[in-house]
């Protein structure tokens, strides 16, 4: 796909400086979080590290939450 074939929205993004893109990205992230978005990763049942028994529900969102990790004394 050439630049001329890109949608106008993409061209506008590409024409911004890296600093302008970063600032817009920050604003988009704030809006995403305000609309209820989450940065918590979804469980990956194909991962060898996925142990469903170690996942607990995320009370705030009702989705899978963080894994419980235990540290030994030391």
Protein backbone atom coordinates (compact mmCIF):
# COMPACT_ATOMS: atom_id res chain seq x y z
CA UNK A 1 0.00 0.00 0.00
CA UNK A 2 1.43 3.38 -0.96
CA UNK A 3 1.04 6.63 0.92
CA UNK A 4 -1.52 7.85 -1.62
CA UNK A 5 -3.68 4.77 -0.97
CA UNK A 6 -3.80 5.33 2.79
CA UNK A 7 -6.97 6.70 4.40
CA UNK A 8 -6.83 10.42 5.21
CA UNK A 9 -6.84 9.67 8.95
CA UNK A 10 -3.64 7.62 8.59
CA UNK A 11 -1.99 10.30 6.46
CA UNK A 12 -2.81 12.90 9.13
CA UNK A 13 -1.19 10.66 11.79
CA UNK A 14 1.92 10.06 9.69
CA UNK A 15 2.32 13.79 9.04
CA UNK A 16 2.58 14.51 12.78
CA UNK A 17 5.96 14.80 14.44
CA UNK A 18 6.93 12.01 16.85
CA UNK A 19 6.31 14.37 19.79
CA UNK A 20 2.84 15.25 18.48
CA UNK A 21 2.02 11.54 18.00
CA UNK A 22 3.17 10.79 21.55
CA UNK A 23 0.99 13.58 22.98
CA UNK A 24 -2.05 12.39 21.01
CA UNK A 25 -1.38 8.81 22.08
CA UNK A 26 -1.36 9.91 25.72
CA UNK A 27 -4.71 11.65 25.27
CA UNK A 28 -6.18 8.57 23.57
CA UNK A 29 -4.98 6.35 26.43
CA UNK A 30 -6.61 8.64 29.01
CA UNK A 31 -9.88 8.55 27.02
CA UNK A 32 -9.70 4.75 26.71
CA UNK A 33 -9.22 4.32 30.47
CA UNK A 34 -12.02 6.84 31.18
CA UNK A 35 -14.40 4.80 28.98
CA UNK A 36 -13.71 1.70 31.07
CA UNK A 37 -10.82 0.23 29.11
CA UNK A 38 -8.29 -1.92 30.93
CA UNK A 39 -4.60 -2.57 30.49
CA UNK A 40 -4.85 -5.95 32.22
CA UNK A 41 -3.84 -8.74 29.85
CA UNK A 42 -6.39 -11.37 28.95
CA UNK A 43 -5.49 -14.90 30.02
CA UNK A 44 -3.74 -16.93 27.32
CA UNK A 45 -4.82 -20.58 27.57
CA UNK A 46 -2.20 -21.53 24.96
CA UNK A 47 0.67 -20.31 27.16
CA UNK A 48 2.62 -22.94 29.09
CA UNK A 49 2.58 -20.46 32.01
CA UNK A 50 -1.22 -20.25 32.10
CA UNK A 51 -2.43 -21.90 35.28
CA UNK A 52 -6.18 -21.22 35.59
CA UNK A 53 -6.15 -22.09 39.30
CA UNK A 54 -3.81 -19.14 39.92
CA UNK A 55 -6.10 -16.58 38.25
CA UNK A 56 -8.62 -14.77 40.37
CA UNK A 57 -11.53 -12.64 39.19
CA UNK A 58 -10.89 -8.94 38.91
CA UNK A 59 -13.49 -7.46 41.21
CA UNK A 60 -13.60 -4.11 39.42
CA UNK A 61 -14.21 -5.44 35.93
CA UNK A 62 -15.49 -8.99 36.42
CA UNK A 63 -12.78 -10.31 34.11
CA UNK A 64 -9.68 -12.33 34.75
CA UNK A 65 -7.33 -10.51 37.06
CA UNK A 66 -3.79 -10.77 38.22
CA UNK A 67 -2.07 -14.00 39.11
CA UNK A 68 -1.12 -14.51 42.71
CA UNK A 69 2.62 -14.76 43.14
CA UNK A 70 4.20 -15.96 46.33
CA UNK A 71 7.68 -14.96 47.41
CA UNK A 72 9.77 -16.92 49.82
CA UNK A 73 11.56 -15.29 52.70
CA UNK A 74 14.85 -14.23 51.64
